[in-house]
Amino acid sequence: MTSLALERCAKGQRGIRLDDAEIAALLHQIPEWATENGLLIRTYLFGDHYQTLAFVNAAAWVSHTEDHHPELHIGYNRCRVEYSTHDCNGLSRKDFICAAKLEKLYGERN
């Protein structure tokens, strides 16, 4: 597990926009994720719709506890997650913290 998953998003604090070097360094800690059009993205795959929705509900809990919410695009056996920090108009450490928490969640599903 990456140490990012142990961090917390600071509630009420604006995100600080990361530069390209900082983004590249953090991506090494969550290798299944990528950047696309200014977003931090990953598509998770599942065996069926029930598993997909269980993950979505658990991801919603992570979002609630961290007060940082992704865009979720849900299909029968997949969920695409897109993070960005609106108040800094880019990617912040908050995005990477939450992505790492979802990685931990996904890894623990079995």
C-alpha atoms as a PDB file:
ATOM      1  CA  MET A   1       0.000   0.000   0.000  1.00  0.00           C
ATOM      2  CA  THR A   2       1.244   3.461  -0.838  1.00  0.00           C
ATOM      3  CA  SER A   3       1.749   5.973   1.968  1.00  0.00           C
ATOM      4  CA  LEU A   4      -0.631   8.289   0.097  1.00  0.00           C
ATOM      5  CA  ALA A   5      -3.501   6.067   1.230  1.00  0.00           C
ATOM      6  CA  LEU A   6      -2.642   6.883   4.847  1.00  0.00           C
ATOM      7  CA  GLU A   7      -2.859  10.636   4.306  1.00  0.00           C
ATOM      8  CA  ARG A   8      -5.989  12.727   4.768  1.00  0.00           C
ATOM      9  CA  CYS A   9      -7.361  15.551   2.666  1.00  0.00           C
ATOM     10  CA  ALA A  10      -7.374  18.767   4.653  1.00  0.00           C
ATOM     11  CA  LYS A  11     -11.034  19.724   4.996  1.00  0.00           C
ATOM     12  CA  GLY A  12     -11.805  23.297   4.125  1.00  0.00           C
ATOM     13  CA  GLN A  13      -8.397  23.957   2.589  1.00  0.00           C
ATOM     14  CA  ARG A  14      -8.020  24.838  -1.059  1.00  0.00           C
ATOM     15  CA  GLY A  15      -6.037  22.415  -3.157  1.00  0.00           C
ATOM     16  CA  ILE A  16      -2.602  23.514  -4.307  1.00  0.00           C
ATOM     17  CA  ARG A  17      -2.067  22.858  -7.995  1.00  0.00           C
ATOM     18  CA  LEU A  18       0.760  20.410  -8.698  1.00  0.00           C
ATOM     19  CA  ASP A  19       3.318  20.955 -11.417  1.00  0.00           C
ATOM     20  CA  ASP A  20       4.215  18.301 -14.008  1.00  0.00           C
ATOM     21  CA  ALA A  21       7.195  16.979 -12.022  1.00  0.00           C
ATOM     22  CA  GLU A  22       5.102  16.561  -8.861  1.00  0.00           C
ATOM     23  CA  ILE A  23       2.363  14.799 -10.825  1.00  0.00           C
ATOM     24  CA  ALA A  24       4.875  12.411 -12.414  1.00  0.00           C
ATOM     25  CA  ALA A  25       6.380  11.564  -9.014  1.00  0.00           C
ATOM     26  CA  LEU A  26       2.969  10.861  -7.472  1.00  0.00           C
ATOM     27  CA  LEU A  27       1.853   8.749 -10.438  1.00  0.00           C
ATOM     28  CA  HIS A  28       4.663   6.312  -9.571  1.00  0.00           C
ATOM     29  CA  GLN A  29       2.827   5.594  -6.316  1.00  0.00           C
ATOM     30  CA  ILE A  30      -0.418   4.696  -8.121  1.00  0.00           C
ATOM     31  CA  PRO A  31       0.796   3.075 -11.361  1.00  0.00           C
ATOM     32  CA  GLU A  32      -2.648   1.976 -12.613  1.00  0.00           C
ATOM     33  CA  TRP A  33      -3.713   5.622 -12.850  1.00  0.00           C
ATOM     34  CA  ALA A  34      -2.990   8.064 -15.670  1.00  0.00           C
ATOM     35  CA  THR A  35      -3.564  11.680 -16.542  1.00  0.00           C
ATOM     36  CA  GLU A  36      -5.830  12.663 -19.407  1.00  0.00           C
ATOM     37  CA  ASN A  37      -6.962  16.171 -20.317  1.00  0.00           C
ATOM     38  CA  GLY A  38      -6.028  17.513 -16.880  1.00  0.00           C
ATOM     39  CA  LEU A  39      -7.761  14.684 -15.003  1.00  0.00           C
ATOM     40  CA  LEU A  40      -6.412  11.828 -12.917  1.00  0.00           C
ATOM     41  CA  ILE A  41      -8.211   8.743 -14.265  1.00  0.00           C
ATOM     42  CA  ARG A  42      -8.607   5.019 -13.882  1.00  0.00           C
ATOM     43  CA  THR A  43     -11.188   2.472 -15.016  1.00  0.00           C
ATOM     44  CA  TYR A  44     -11.874  -0.342 -12.564  1.00  0.00           C
ATOM     45  CA  LEU A  45     -13.239  -3.647 -13.879  1.00  0.00           C
ATOM     46  CA  PHE A  46     -15.549  -6.036 -12.012  1.00  0.00           C
ATOM     47  CA  GLY A  47     -17.225  -9.404 -12.535  1.00  0.00           C
ATOM     48  CA  ASP A  48     -20.780  -8.093 -12.541  1.00  0.00           C
ATOM     49  CA  HIS A  49     -23.047  -5.141 -11.879  1.00  0.00           C
ATOM     50  CA  TYR A  50     -23.440  -5.920  -8.171  1.00  0.00           C
ATOM     51  CA  GLN A  51     -19.655  -5.780  -7.621  1.00  0.00           C
ATOM     52  CA  THR A  52     -19.475  -2.534  -9.582  1.00  0.00           C
ATOM     53  CA  LEU A  53     -22.164  -0.901  -7.471  1.00  0.00           C
ATOM     54  CA  ALA A  54     -20.606  -2.168  -4.231  1.00  0.00           C
ATOM     55  CA  PHE A  55     -17.347  -0.459  -5.243  1.00  0.00           C
ATOM     56  CA  VAL A  56     -19.202   2.736  -6.190  1.00  0.00           C
ATOM     57  CA  ASN A  57     -20.888   2.828  -2.780  1.00  0.00           C
ATOM     58  CA  ALA A  58     -17.588   2.275  -0.996  1.00  0.00           C
ATOM     59  CA  ALA A  59     -15.946   4.955  -3.160  1.00  0.00           C
ATOM     60  CA  ALA A  60     -18.766   7.314  -2.171  1.00  0.00           C
ATOM     61  CA  TRP A  61     -17.892   6.721   1.479  1.00  0.00           C
ATOM     62  CA  VAL A  62     -14.232   7.556   0.782  1.00  0.00           C
ATOM     63  CA  SER A  63     -15.345  10.722  -1.006  1.00  0.00           C
ATOM     64  CA  HIS A  64     -17.562  11.696   1.884  1.00  0.00           C
ATOM     65  CA  THR A  65     -14.921  11.129   4.562  1.00  0.00           C
ATOM     66  CA  GLU A  66     -12.260  13.008   2.581  1.00  0.00           C
ATOM     67  CA  ASP A  67     -14.643  15.732   1.352  1.00  0.00           C
ATOM     68  CA  HIS A  68     -13.216  15.322  -2.141  1.00  0.00           C
ATOM     69  CA  HIS A  69     -15.476  13.934  -4.842  1.00  0.00           C
ATOM     70  CA  PRO A  70     -14.628  12.371  -8.209  1.00  0.00           C
ATOM     71  CA  GLU A  71     -16.688  12.080 -11.341  1.00  0.00           C
ATOM     72  CA  LEU A  72     -17.849   8.472 -11.657  1.00  0.00           C
ATOM     73  CA  HIS A  73     -18.937   6.873 -14.931  1.00  0.00           C
ATOM     74  CA  ILE A  74     -20.602   3.544 -14.250  1.00  0.00           C
ATOM     75  CA  GLY A  75     -21.322   0.639 -16.573  1.00  0.00           C
ATOM     76  CA  TYR A  76     -22.351  -2.963 -16.036  1.00  0.00           C
ATOM     77  CA  ASN A  77     -18.908  -4.218 -14.983  1.00  0.00           C
ATOM     78  CA  ARG A  78     -16.760  -1.086 -14.872  1.00  0.00           C
ATOM     79  CA  CYS A  79     -16.392   2.249 -13.160  1.00  0.00           C
ATOM     80  CA  ARG A  80     -14.278   5.049 -14.572  1.00  0.00           C
ATOM     81  CA  VAL A  81     -13.061   7.425 -11.872  1.00  0.00           C
ATOM     82  CA  GLU A  82     -11.925  10.958 -12.714  1.00  0.00           C
ATOM     83  CA  TYR A  83     -10.330  13.249 -10.154  1.00  0.00           C
ATOM     84  CA  SER A  84      -9.430  16.912 -10.374  1.00  0.00           C
ATOM     85  CA  THR A  85      -9.430  19.743  -7.861  1.00  0.00           C
ATOM     86  CA  HIS A  86     -11.776  22.448  -9.033  1.00  0.00           C
ATOM     87  CA  ASP A  87     -10.618  25.158  -6.644  1.00  0.00           C
ATOM     88  CA  CYS A  88      -7.074  25.046  -8.079  1.00  0.00           C
ATOM     89  CA  ASN A  89      -8.190  24.285 -11.640  1.00  0.00           C
ATOM     90  CA  GLY A  90      -5.936  21.250 -11.943  1.00  0.00           C
ATOM     91  CA  LEU A  91      -4.568  18.319  -9.985  1.00  0.00           C
ATOM     92  CA  SER A  92      -3.692  18.592  -6.313  1.00  0.00           C
ATOM     93  CA  ARG A  93      -2.368  16.170  -3.726  1.00  0.00           C
ATOM     94  CA  LYS A  94      -6.008  15.596  -2.707  1.00  0.00           C
ATOM     95  CA  ASP A  95      -6.625  13.806  -6.006  1.00  0.00           C
ATOM     96  CA  PHE A  96      -3.711  11.446  -5.457  1.00  0.00           C
ATOM     97  CA  ILE A  97      -4.640  10.756  -1.827  1.00  0.00           C
ATOM     98  CA  CYS A  98      -8.160   9.752  -2.821  1.00  0.00           C
ATOM     99  CA  ALA A  99      -6.931   7.706  -5.794  1.00  0.00           C
ATOM    100  CA  ALA A 100      -4.589   5.792  -3.467  1.00  0.00           C
ATOM    101  CA  LYS A 101      -7.468   5.138  -1.073  1.00  0.00           C
ATOM    102  CA  LEU A 102      -9.531   3.695  -3.946  1.00  0.00           C
ATOM    103  CA  GLU A 103      -6.579   1.512  -4.960  1.00  0.00           C
ATOM    104  CA  LYS A 104      -6.453   0.138  -1.422  1.00  0.00           C
ATOM    105  CA  LEU A 105     -10.201  -0.427  -1.487  1.00  0.00           C
ATOM    106  CA  TYR A 106     -10.050  -2.195  -4.852  1.00  0.00           C
ATOM    107  CA  GLY A 107      -7.140  -4.367  -3.715  1.00  0.00           C
ATOM    108  CA  GLU A 108      -9.027  -5.467  -0.602  1.00  0.00           C
ATOM    109  CA  ARG A 109     -12.207  -6.520  -2.413  1.00  0.00           C
ATOM    110  CA  ASN A 110     -11.259 -10.221  -2.485  1.00  0.00           C
END
